[in-house]
PDB file of N, CA and C in Angstrom:
ATOM      1  N   UNK A   1       5.909 -11.755   0.546  1.00  0.00           N
ATOM      2  CA  UNK A   1       4.978 -12.707  -0.010  1.00  0.00           C
ATOM      3  C   UNK A   1       4.007 -11.966  -0.925  1.00  0.00           C
ATOM      4  N   UNK A   2       3.352 -12.706  -1.774  1.00  0.00           N
ATOM      5  CA  UNK A   2       2.409 -12.145  -2.732  1.00  0.00           C
ATOM      6  C   UNK A   2       1.014 -12.700  -2.490  1.00  0.00           C
ATOM      7  N   UNK A   3       0.013 -11.895  -2.847  1.00  0.00           N
ATOM      8  CA  UNK A   3      -1.371 -12.325  -2.747  1.00  0.00           C
ATOM      9  C   UNK A   3      -2.146 -11.681  -3.897  1.00  0.00           C
ATOM     10  N   UNK A   4      -3.065 -12.444  -4.471  1.00  0.00           N
ATOM     11  CA  UNK A   4      -3.915 -11.899  -5.530  1.00  0.00           C
ATOM     12  C   UNK A   4      -5.205 -11.373  -4.913  1.00  0.00           C
ATOM     13  N   UNK A   5      -5.913 -10.586  -5.672  1.00  0.00           N
ATOM     14  CA  UNK A   5      -7.203 -10.070  -5.221  1.00  0.00           C
ATOM     15  C   UNK A   5      -8.165 -11.215  -4.946  1.00  0.00           C
ATOM     16  N   UNK A   6      -8.114 -12.245  -5.792  1.00  0.00           N
ATOM     17  CA  UNK A   6      -8.982 -13.413  -5.625  1.00  0.00           C
ATOM     18  C   UNK A   6      -8.651 -14.166  -4.334  1.00  0.00           C
ATOM     19  N   UNK A   7      -7.363 -14.327  -4.026  1.00  0.00           N
ATOM     20  CA  UNK A   7      -6.965 -14.994  -2.786  1.00  0.00           C
ATOM     21  C   UNK A   7      -7.396 -14.181  -1.572  1.00  0.00           C
ATOM     22  N   UNK A   8      -7.248 -12.881  -1.672  1.00  0.00           N
ATOM     23  CA  UNK A   8      -7.647 -12.008  -0.574  1.00  0.00           C
ATOM     24  C   UNK A   8      -9.147 -12.109  -0.311  1.00  0.00           C
ATOM     25  N   UNK A   9      -9.920 -12.197  -1.386  1.00  0.00           N
ATOM     26  CA  UNK A   9     -11.382 -12.275  -1.265  1.00  0.00           C
ATOM     27  C   UNK A   9     -11.847 -13.571  -0.618  1.00  0.00           C
ATOM     28  N   UNK A  10     -11.050 -14.642  -0.708  1.00  0.00           N
ATOM     29  CA  UNK A  10     -11.459 -15.920  -0.133  1.00  0.00           C
ATOM     30  C   UNK A  10     -11.116 -16.040   1.356  1.00  0.00           C
ATOM     31  N   UNK A  11     -10.384 -15.065   1.885  1.00  0.00           N
ATOM     32  CA  UNK A  11     -10.043 -15.078   3.303  1.00  0.00           C
ATOM     33  C   UNK A  11     -11.296 -14.757   4.114  1.00  0.00           C
ATOM     34  N   UNK A  12     -11.611 -15.548   5.132  1.00  0.00           N
ATOM     35  CA  UNK A  12     -12.818 -15.272   5.925  1.00  0.00           C
ATOM     36  C   UNK A  12     -12.658 -14.005   6.765  1.00  0.00           C
ATOM     37  N   UNK A  13     -13.553 -13.017   6.532  1.00  0.00           N
ATOM     38  CA  UNK A  13     -13.564 -11.761   7.288  1.00  0.00           C
ATOM     39  C   UNK A  13     -12.179 -11.150   7.425  1.00  0.00           C
ATOM     40  N   UNK A  14     -11.462 -11.101   6.321  1.00  0.00           N
ATOM     41  CA  UNK A  14     -10.087 -10.606   6.342  1.00  0.00           C
ATOM     42  C   UNK A  14     -10.060  -9.098   6.534  1.00  0.00           C
ATOM     43  N   UNK A  15      -9.331  -8.640   7.530  1.00  0.00           N
ATOM     44  CA  UNK A  15      -9.138  -7.221   7.770  1.00  0.00           C
ATOM     45  C   UNK A  15      -7.714  -6.866   7.372  1.00  0.00           C
ATOM     46  N   UNK A  16      -7.583  -5.859   6.542  1.00  0.00           N
ATOM     47  CA  UNK A  16      -6.260  -5.359   6.168  1.00  0.00           C
ATOM     48  C   UNK A  16      -5.889  -4.330   7.232  1.00  0.00           C
ATOM     49  N   UNK A  17      -4.905  -4.663   8.053  1.00  0.00           N
ATOM     50  CA  UNK A  17      -4.519  -3.765   9.136  1.00  0.00           C
ATOM     51  C   UNK A  17      -3.943  -2.455   8.590  1.00  0.00           C
ATOM     52  N   UNK A  18      -3.082  -2.571   7.568  1.00  0.00           N
ATOM     53  CA  UNK A  18      -2.451  -1.398   6.965  1.00  0.00           C
ATOM     54  C   UNK A  18      -2.338  -1.612   5.467  1.00  0.00           C
ATOM     55  N   UNK A  19      -2.866  -0.671   4.706  1.00  0.00           N
ATOM     56  CA  UNK A  19      -2.700  -0.646   3.258  1.00  0.00           C
ATOM     57  C   UNK A  19      -1.691   0.443   2.958  1.00  0.00           C
ATOM     58  N   UNK A  20      -0.550   0.053   2.393  1.00  0.00           N
ATOM     59  CA  UNK A  20       0.459   1.021   1.977  1.00  0.00           C
ATOM     60  C   UNK A  20       0.380   1.167   0.465  1.00  0.00           C
ATOM     61  N   UNK A  21       0.070   2.375   0.016  1.00  0.00           N
ATOM     62  CA  UNK A  21       0.024   2.690  -1.405  1.00  0.00           C
ATOM     63  C   UNK A  21       1.403   3.245  -1.747  1.00  0.00           C
ATOM     64  N   UNK A  22       2.216   2.425  -2.393  1.00  0.00           N
ATOM     65  CA  UNK A  22       3.612   2.787  -2.631  1.00  0.00           C
ATOM     66  C   UNK A  22       3.749   3.423  -4.006  1.00  0.00           C
ATOM     67  N   UNK A  23       4.230   4.653  -4.001  1.00  0.00           N
ATOM     68  CA  UNK A  23       4.456   5.407  -5.230  1.00  0.00           C
ATOM     69  C   UNK A  23       5.765   4.929  -5.856  1.00  0.00           C
ATOM     70  N   UNK A  24       5.709   4.568  -7.135  1.00  0.00           N
ATOM     71  CA  UNK A  24       6.915   4.145  -7.832  1.00  0.00           C
ATOM     72  C   UNK A  24       7.077   4.987  -9.101  1.00  0.00           C
ATOM     73  N   UNK A  25       8.225   4.874  -9.747  1.00  0.00           N
ATOM     74  CA  UNK A  25       8.500   5.664 -10.947  1.00  0.00           C
ATOM     75  C   UNK A  25       7.449   5.427 -12.020  1.00  0.00           C
ATOM     76  N   UNK A  26       7.270   6.429 -12.865  1.00  0.00           N
ATOM     77  CA  UNK A  26       6.330   6.297 -13.963  1.00  0.00           C
ATOM     78  C   UNK A  26       4.895   6.559 -13.561  1.00  0.00           C
ATOM     79  N   UNK A  27       4.702   7.276 -12.467  1.00  0.00           N
ATOM     80  CA  UNK A  27       3.369   7.603 -11.973  1.00  0.00           C
ATOM     81  C   UNK A  27       2.502   6.361 -11.813  1.00  0.00           C
ATOM     82  N   UNK A  28       3.075   5.344 -11.182  1.00  0.00           N
ATOM     83  CA  UNK A  28       2.344   4.120 -10.894  1.00  0.00           C
ATOM     84  C   UNK A  28       2.414   3.845  -9.403  1.00  0.00           C
ATOM     85  N   UNK A  29       1.488   3.013  -8.958  1.00  0.00           N
ATOM     86  CA  UNK A  29       1.378   2.682  -7.541  1.00  0.00           C
ATOM     87  C   UNK A  29       1.215   1.180  -7.384  1.00  0.00           C
ATOM     88  N   UNK A  30       1.736   0.665  -6.280  1.00  0.00           N
ATOM     89  CA  UNK A  30       1.519  -0.736  -5.940  1.00  0.00           C
ATOM     90  C   UNK A  30       1.034  -0.801  -4.502  1.00  0.00           C
ATOM     91  N   UNK A  31       0.428  -1.933  -4.138  1.00  0.00           N
ATOM     92  CA  UNK A  31      -0.169  -2.080  -2.812  1.00  0.00           C
ATOM     93  C   UNK A  31       0.609  -3.091  -1.978  1.00  0.00           C
ATOM     94  N   UNK A  32       0.983  -2.664  -0.770  1.00  0.00           N
ATOM     95  CA  UNK A  32       1.550  -3.585   0.218  1.00  0.00           C
ATOM     96  C   UNK A  32       0.530  -3.684   1.335  1.00  0.00           C
ATOM     97  N   UNK A  33       0.119  -4.906   1.635  1.00  0.00           N
ATOM     98  CA  UNK A  33      -0.939  -5.159   2.611  1.00  0.00           C
ATOM     99  C   UNK A  33      -0.351  -5.811   3.859  1.00  0.00           C
ATOM    100  N   UNK A  34      -0.683  -5.270   5.013  1.00  0.00           N
ATOM    101  CA  UNK A  34      -0.295  -5.896   6.283  1.00  0.00           C
ATOM    102  C   UNK A  34      -1.522  -6.600   6.836  1.00  0.00           C
ATOM    103  N   UNK A  35      -1.404  -7.918   6.969  1.00  0.00           N
ATOM    104  CA  UNK A  35      -2.472  -8.765   7.507  1.00  0.00           C
ATOM    105  C   UNK A  35      -1.895  -9.462   8.728  1.00  0.00           C
ATOM    106  N   UNK A  36      -2.218  -8.954   9.898  1.00  0.00           N
ATOM    107  CA  UNK A  36      -1.610  -9.502  11.109  1.00  0.00           C
ATOM    108  C   UNK A  36      -0.115  -9.234  11.078  1.00  0.00           C
ATOM    109  N   UNK A  37       0.683 -10.285  11.263  1.00  0.00           N
ATOM    110  CA  UNK A  37       2.137 -10.149  11.253  1.00  0.00           C
ATOM    111  C   UNK A  37       2.743 -10.307   9.864  1.00  0.00           C
ATOM    112  N   UNK A  38       1.928 -10.566   8.860  1.00  0.00           N
ATOM    113  CA  UNK A  38       2.426 -10.821   7.508  1.00  0.00           C
ATOM    114  C   UNK A  38       2.203  -9.624   6.596  1.00  0.00           C
ATOM    115  N   UNK A  39       3.144  -9.451   5.643  1.00  0.00           N
ATOM    116  CA  UNK A  39       3.009  -8.425   4.619  1.00  0.00           C
ATOM    117  C   UNK A  39       2.957  -9.092   3.258  1.00  0.00           C
ATOM    118  N   UNK A  40       2.097  -8.558   2.386  1.00  0.00           N
ATOM    119  CA  UNK A  40       1.906  -9.110   1.050  1.00  0.00           C
ATOM    120  C   UNK A  40       1.933  -7.994   0.022  1.00  0.00           C
ATOM    121  N   UNK A  41       2.458  -8.286  -1.158  1.00  0.00           N
ATOM    122  CA  UNK A  41       2.312  -7.401  -2.301  1.00  0.00           C
ATOM    123  C   UNK A  41       1.123  -7.887  -3.101  1.00  0.00           C
ATOM    124  N   UNK A  42       0.225  -6.984  -3.457  1.00  0.00           N
ATOM    125  CA  UNK A  42      -0.912  -7.352  -4.280  1.00  0.00           C
ATOM    126  C   UNK A  42      -0.400  -7.651  -5.683  1.00  0.00           C
ATOM    127  N   UNK A  43      -0.723  -8.842  -6.177  1.00  0.00           N
ATOM    128  CA  UNK A  43      -0.157  -9.319  -7.436  1.00  0.00           C
ATOM    129  C   UNK A  43      -1.236  -9.791  -8.393  1.00  0.00           C
ATOM    130  N   UNK A  44      -0.841  -9.917  -9.645  1.00  0.00           N
ATOM    131  CA  UNK A  44      -1.694 -10.504 -10.674  1.00  0.00           C
ATOM    132  C   UNK A  44      -1.660 -12.022 -10.508  1.00  0.00           C
ATOM    133  N   UNK A  45      -2.546 -12.728 -11.195  1.00  0.00           N
ATOM    134  CA  UNK A  45      -2.594 -14.190 -11.091  1.00  0.00           C
ATOM    135  C   UNK A  45      -1.293 -14.859 -11.514  1.00  0.00           C
ATOM    136  N   UNK A  46      -0.569 -14.255 -12.467  1.00  0.00           N
ATOM    137  CA  UNK A  46       0.672 -14.855 -12.963  1.00  0.00           C
ATOM    138  C   UNK A  46       1.890 -14.491 -12.121  1.00  0.00           C
ATOM    139  N   UNK A  47       1.685 -13.740 -11.023  1.00  0.00           N
ATOM    140  CA  UNK A  47       2.776 -13.458 -10.103  1.00  0.00           C
ATOM    141  C   UNK A  47       3.399 -12.079 -10.227  1.00  0.00           C
ATOM    142  N   UNK A  48       3.084 -11.328 -11.282  1.00  0.00           N
ATOM    143  CA  UNK A  48       3.624  -9.973 -11.423  1.00  0.00           C
ATOM    144  C   UNK A  48       2.917  -9.035 -10.450  1.00  0.00           C
ATOM    145  N   UNK A  49       3.638  -8.045  -9.962  1.00  0.00           N
ATOM    146  CA  UNK A  49       3.046  -7.066  -9.061  1.00  0.00           C
ATOM    147  C   UNK A  49       1.945  -6.308  -9.798  1.00  0.00           C
ATOM    148  N   UNK A  50       0.802  -6.168  -9.157  1.00  0.00           N
ATOM    149  CA  UNK A  50      -0.322  -5.445  -9.757  1.00  0.00           C
ATOM    150  C   UNK A  50      -0.065  -3.949  -9.620  1.00  0.00           C
ATOM    151  N   UNK A  51      -0.076  -3.240 -10.743  1.00  0.00           N
ATOM    152  CA  UNK A  51       0.201  -1.808 -10.759  1.00  0.00           C
ATOM    153  C   UNK A  51      -1.071  -1.025 -11.040  1.00  0.00           C
ATOM    154  N   UNK A  52      -1.132   0.168 -10.475  1.00  0.00           N
ATOM    155  CA  UNK A  52      -2.296   1.037 -10.608  1.00  0.00           C
ATOM    156  C   UNK A  52      -1.854   2.398 -11.125  1.00  0.00           C
ATOM    157  N   UNK A  53      -2.732   3.082 -11.859  1.00  0.00           N
ATOM    158  CA  UNK A  53      -2.436   4.393 -12.440  1.00  0.00           C
ATOM    159  C   UNK A  53      -2.627   5.524 -11.432  1.00  0.00           C
ATOM    160  N   UNK A  54      -3.340   5.258 -10.347  1.00  0.00           N
ATOM    161  CA  UNK A  54      -3.544   6.295  -9.327  1.00  0.00           C
ATOM    162  C   UNK A  54      -3.815   5.634  -7.981  1.00  0.00           C
ATOM    163  N   UNK A  55      -3.627   6.419  -6.936  1.00  0.00           N
ATOM    164  CA  UNK A  55      -3.952   5.934  -5.593  1.00  0.00           C
ATOM    165  C   UNK A  55      -5.453   5.691  -5.474  1.00  0.00           C
ATOM    166  N   UNK A  56      -6.256   6.514  -6.153  1.00  0.00           N
ATOM    167  CA  UNK A  56      -7.714   6.354  -6.118  1.00  0.00           C
ATOM    168  C   UNK A  56      -8.130   5.039  -6.764  1.00  0.00           C
ATOM    169  N   UNK A  57      -7.504   4.691  -7.895  1.00  0.00           N
ATOM    170  CA  UNK A  57      -7.831   3.425  -8.559  1.00  0.00           C
ATOM    171  C   UNK A  57      -7.523   2.249  -7.628  1.00  0.00           C
ATOM    172  N   UNK A  58      -6.409   2.314  -6.945  1.00  0.00           N
ATOM    173  CA  UNK A  58      -6.024   1.255  -6.010  1.00  0.00           C
ATOM    174  C   UNK A  58      -7.038   1.162  -4.873  1.00  0.00           C
ATOM    175  N   UNK A  59      -7.421   2.292  -4.305  1.00  0.00           N
ATOM    176  CA  UNK A  59      -8.394   2.283  -3.210  1.00  0.00           C
ATOM    177  C   UNK A  59      -9.758   1.782  -3.675  1.00  0.00           C
ATOM    178  N   UNK A  60     -10.158   2.154  -4.875  1.00  0.00           N
ATOM    179  CA  UNK A  60     -11.427   1.663  -5.419  1.00  0.00           C
ATOM    180  C   UNK A  60     -11.406   0.150  -5.585  1.00  0.00           C
ATOM    181  N   UNK A  61     -10.268  -0.401  -6.003  1.00  0.00           N
ATOM    182  CA  UNK A  61     -10.130  -1.845  -6.191  1.00  0.00           C
ATOM    183  C   UNK A  61     -10.303  -2.593  -4.880  1.00  0.00           C
ATOM    184  N   UNK A  62      -9.844  -1.997  -3.785  1.00  0.00           N
ATOM    185  CA  UNK A  62      -9.915  -2.657  -2.475  1.00  0.00           C
ATOM    186  C   UNK A  62     -11.066  -2.149  -1.610  1.00  0.00           C
ATOM    187  N   UNK A  63     -11.999  -1.421  -2.199  1.00  0.00           N
ATOM    188  CA  UNK A  63     -13.081  -0.779  -1.444  1.00  0.00           C
ATOM    189  C   UNK A  63     -13.987  -1.760  -0.704  1.00  0.00           C
ATOM    190  N   UNK A  64     -14.080  -3.002  -1.155  1.00  0.00           N
ATOM    191  CA  UNK A  64     -14.980  -3.963  -0.513  1.00  0.00           C
ATOM    192  C   UNK A  64     -14.356  -4.617   0.726  1.00  0.00           C
ATOM    193  N   UNK A  65     -13.084  -4.337   0.975  1.00  0.00           N
ATOM    194  CA  UNK A  65     -12.385  -4.939   2.108  1.00  0.00           C
ATOM    195  C   UNK A  65     -12.347  -3.969   3.282  1.00  0.00           C
ATOM    196  N   UNK A  66     -12.284  -4.532   4.479  1.00  0.00           N
ATOM    197  CA  UNK A  66     -12.155  -3.732   5.690  1.00  0.00           C
ATOM    198  C   UNK A  66     -10.683  -3.359   5.863  1.00  0.00           C
ATOM    199  N   UNK A  67     -10.390  -2.048   5.912  1.00  0.00           N
ATOM    200  CA  UNK A  67      -9.011  -1.562   5.991  1.00  0.00           C
ATOM    201  C   UNK A  67      -8.883  -0.679   7.225  1.00  0.00           C
ATOM    202  N   UNK A  68      -7.961  -1.032   8.101  1.00  0.00           N
ATOM    203  CA  UNK A  68      -7.759  -0.273   9.333  1.00  0.00           C
ATOM    204  C   UNK A  68      -7.114   1.075   9.101  1.00  0.00           C
ATOM    205  N   UNK A  69      -6.066   1.118   8.276  1.00  0.00           N
ATOM    206  CA  UNK A  69      -5.355   2.368   8.000  1.00  0.00           C
ATOM    207  C   UNK A  69      -4.786   2.325   6.594  1.00  0.00           C
ATOM    208  N   UNK A  70      -4.787   3.481   5.935  1.00  0.00           N
ATOM    209  CA  UNK A  70      -4.207   3.600   4.601  1.00  0.00           C
ATOM    210  C   UNK A  70      -3.165   4.699   4.614  1.00  0.00           C
ATOM    211  N   UNK A  71      -1.978   4.408   4.057  1.00  0.00           N
ATOM    212  CA  UNK A  71      -0.906   5.392   3.944  1.00  0.00           C
ATOM    213  C   UNK A  71      -0.391   5.407   2.517  1.00  0.00           C
ATOM    214  N   UNK A  72      -0.094   6.609   2.006  1.00  0.00           N
ATOM    215  CA  UNK A  72       0.628   6.736   0.750  1.00  0.00           C
ATOM    216  C   UNK A  72       2.100   6.836   1.128  1.00  0.00           C
ATOM    217  N   UNK A  73       2.938   6.003   0.511  1.00  0.00           N
ATOM    218  CA  UNK A  73       4.362   5.947   0.827  1.00  0.00           C
ATOM    219  C   UNK A  73       5.129   6.399  -0.407  1.00  0.00           C
ATOM    220  N   UNK A  74       5.945   7.447  -0.224  1.00  0.00           N
ATOM    221  CA  UNK A  74       6.709   7.991  -1.348  1.00  0.00           C
ATOM    222  C   UNK A  74       8.193   7.972  -0.993  1.00  0.00           C
ATOM    223  N   UNK A  75       8.951   7.003  -1.544  1.00  0.00           N
ATOM    224  CA  UNK A  75      10.389   6.963  -1.289  1.00  0.00           C
ATOM    225  C   UNK A  75      11.084   8.199  -1.866  1.00  0.00           C
ATOM    226  N   UNK A  76      12.125   8.640  -1.211  1.00  0.00           N
ATOM    227  CA  UNK A  76      12.853   9.822  -1.665  1.00  0.00           C
ATOM    228  C   UNK A  76      14.150   9.429  -2.365  1.00  0.00           C
ATOM    229  N   UNK A  77      14.402  10.078  -3.488  1.00  0.00           N
ATOM    230  CA  UNK A  77      15.667   9.905  -4.204  1.00  0.00           C
ATOM    231  C   UNK A  77      16.431  11.227  -4.198  1.00  0.00           C
ATOM    232  N   UNK A  78      16.185  12.050  -3.183  1.00  0.00           N
ATOM    233  CA  UNK A  78      16.751  13.396  -3.132  1.00  0.00           C
ATOM    234  C   UNK A  78      18.273  13.391  -3.241  1.00  0.00           C
ATOM    235  N   UNK A  79      18.942  12.561  -2.453  1.00  0.00           N
ATOM    236  CA  UNK A  79      20.405  12.534  -2.483  1.00  0.00           C
ATOM    237  C   UNK A  79      20.932  12.234  -3.886  1.00  0.00           C
ATOM    238  N   UNK A  80      20.333  11.280  -4.537  1.00  0.00           N
ATOM    239  CA  UNK A  80      20.771  10.919  -5.883  1.00  0.00           C
ATOM    240  C   UNK A  80      20.505  12.051  -6.866  1.00  0.00           C
ATOM    241  N   UNK A  81      19.385  12.758  -6.685  1.00  0.00           N
ATOM    242  CA  UNK A  81      19.033  13.833  -7.619  1.00  0.00           C
ATOM    243  C   UNK A  81      20.009  14.996  -7.538  1.00  0.00           C
ATOM    244  N   UNK A  82      20.627  15.234  -6.382  1.00  0.00           N
ATOM    245  CA  UNK A  82      21.555  16.348  -6.258  1.00  0.00           C
ATOM    246  C   UNK A  82      23.007  15.891  -6.343  1.00  0.00           C
ATOM    247  N   UNK A  83      23.228  14.648  -6.762  1.00  0.00           N
ATOM    248  CA  UNK A  83      24.576  14.149  -7.009  1.00  0.00           C
ATOM    249  C   UNK A  83      25.285  13.542  -5.823  1.00  0.00           C
ATOM    250  N   UNK A  84      24.575  13.284  -4.757  1.00  0.00           N
ATOM    251  CA  UNK A  84      25.190  12.651  -3.588  1.00  0.00           C
ATOM    252  C   UNK A  84      24.980  11.142  -3.661  1.00  0.00           C
ATOM    253  N   UNK A  85      25.706  10.435  -2.843  1.00  0.00           N
ATOM    254  CA  UNK A  85      25.530   8.986  -2.749  1.00  0.00           C
ATOM    255  C   UNK A  85      24.144   8.676  -2.204  1.00  0.00           C
ATOM    256  N   UNK A  86      23.533   7.591  -2.654  1.00  0.00           N
ATOM    257  CA  UNK A  86      22.235   7.202  -2.080  1.00  0.00           C
ATOM    258  C   UNK A  86      22.350   7.034  -0.569  1.00  0.00           C
ATOM    259  N   UNK A  87      21.300   7.443   0.134  1.00  0.00           N
ATOM    260  CA  UNK A  87      21.301   7.350   1.590  1.00  0.00           C
ATOM    261  C   UNK A  87      20.024   6.666   2.062  1.00  0.00           C
ATOM    262  N   UNK A  88      20.090   6.128   3.250  1.00  0.00           N
ATOM    263  CA  UNK A  88      18.945   5.424   3.831  1.00  0.00           C
ATOM    264  C   UNK A  88      17.941   6.389   4.438  1.00  0.00           C
ATOM    265  N   UNK A  89      17.276   7.163   3.607  1.00  0.00           N
ATOM    266  CA  UNK A  89      16.284   8.128   4.081  1.00  0.00           C
ATOM    267  C   UNK A  89      14.932   7.424   4.158  1.00  0.00           C
ATOM    268  N   UNK A  90      14.251   7.617   5.275  1.00  0.00           N
ATOM    269  CA  UNK A  90      12.916   7.036   5.425  1.00  0.00           C
ATOM    270  C   UNK A  90      11.978   7.657   4.395  1.00  0.00           C
ATOM    271  N   UNK A  91      11.075   6.866   3.819  1.00  0.00           N
ATOM    272  CA  UNK A  91      10.135   7.419   2.841  1.00  0.00           C
ATOM    273  C   UNK A  91       9.117   8.345   3.513  1.00  0.00           C
ATOM    274  N   UNK A  92       8.583   9.257   2.723  1.00  0.00           N
ATOM    275  CA  UNK A  92       7.507  10.127   3.172  1.00  0.00           C
ATOM    276  C   UNK A  92       6.245   9.279   3.299  1.00  0.00           C
ATOM    277  N   UNK A  93       5.564   9.372   4.435  1.00  0.00           N
ATOM    278  CA  UNK A  93       4.324   8.628   4.663  1.00  0.00           C
ATOM    279  C   UNK A  93       3.208   9.617   4.949  1.00  0.00           C
ATOM    280  N   UNK A  94       2.124   9.489   4.181  1.00  0.00           N
ATOM    281  CA  UNK A  94       0.970  10.362   4.348  1.00  0.00           C
ATOM    282  C   UNK A  94      -0.228   9.486   4.701  1.00  0.00           C
ATOM    283  N   UNK A  95      -0.791   9.712   5.884  1.00  0.00           N
ATOM    284  CA  UNK A  95      -1.960   8.932   6.285  1.00  0.00           C
ATOM    285  C   UNK A  95      -3.175   9.435   5.512  1.00  0.00           C
ATOM    286  N   UNK A  96      -3.816   8.532   4.783  1.00  0.00           N
ATOM    287  CA  UNK A  96      -4.998   8.871   3.995  1.00  0.00           C
ATOM    288  C   UNK A  96      -6.247   8.692   4.848  1.00  0.00           C
ATOM    289  N   UNK A  97      -6.308   7.593   5.562  1.00  0.00           N
ATOM    290  CA  UNK A  97      -7.443   7.329   6.445  1.00  0.00           C
ATOM    291  C   UNK A  97      -7.027   6.353   7.513  1.00  0.00           C
ATOM    292  N   UNK A  98      -7.747   6.406   8.615  1.00  0.00           N
ATOM    293  CA  UNK A  98      -7.521   5.468   9.711  1.00  0.00           C
ATOM    294  C   UNK A  98      -8.823   5.285  10.461  1.00  0.00           C
ATOM    295  N   UNK A  99      -9.366   4.083  10.412  1.00  0.00           N
ATOM    296  CA  UNK A  99     -10.600   3.802  11.157  1.00  0.00           C
ATOM    297  C   UNK A  99     -10.321   3.829  12.658  1.00  0.00           C
ATOM    298  N   UNK A 100      -9.102   3.469  13.057  1.00  0.00           N
ATOM    299  CA  UNK A 100      -8.761   3.480  14.468  1.00  0.00           C
ATOM    300  C   UNK A 100      -8.779   4.908  15.003  1.00  0.00           C
ATOM    301  N   UNK A 101      -8.215   5.864  14.241  1.00  0.00           N
ATOM    302  CA  UNK A 101      -8.190   7.253  14.678  1.00  0.00           C
ATOM    303  C   UNK A 101      -9.604   7.826  14.738  1.00  0.00           C
ATOM    304  N   UNK A 102     -10.459   7.453  13.780  1.00  0.00           N
ATOM    305  CA  UNK A 102     -11.833   7.933  13.777  1.00  0.00           C
ATOM    306  C   UNK A 102     -12.597   7.386  14.969  1.00  0.00           C
ATOM    307  N   UNK A 103     -12.350   6.128  15.322  1.00  0.00           N
ATOM    308  CA  UNK A 103     -13.048   5.505  16.451  1.00  0.00           C
ATOM    309  C   UNK A 103     -12.657   6.174  17.769  1.00  0.00           C
ATOM    310  N   UNK A 104     -11.396   6.620  17.885  1.00  0.00           N
ATOM    311  CA  UNK A 104     -10.937   7.264  19.113  1.00  0.00           C
ATOM    312  C   UNK A 104     -11.553   8.646  19.292  1.00  0.00           C
ATOM    313  N   UNK A 105     -11.908   9.322  18.194  1.00  0.00           N
ATOM    314  CA  UNK A 105     -12.497  10.662  18.271  1.00  0.00           C
ATOM    315  C   UNK A 105     -13.917  10.634  18.813  1.00  0.00           C
ATOM    316  N   UNK A 106     -14.628   9.521  18.593  1.00  0.00           N
ATOM    317  CA  UNK A 106     -16.026   9.441  19.016  1.00  0.00           C
ATOM    318  C   UNK A 106     -16.172   8.915  20.414  1.00  0.00           C
TER     319      UNK A 106
END
């Protein structure tokens, strides 16, 4: 499903459980938001996926929202790059921040 920044802002006390910053070709990033049991791609008003030039730009755009955890997700094309058939390799996930982990430390 898709959601715009404006739609997200109208949600009452909306908490983004997981923000996935997905790295795509061309040094661009897109946002996948987990809200409860639902996942959304952050989109423009006309329905196109909203793209960002950096992970920082994406995080700055969503800075006013409460985010439980943020991960940078980088899919691997290693098999294809070395001439092998594409394989179902899990993407690299890097935890950027987690309010839950910080709360457990205190």
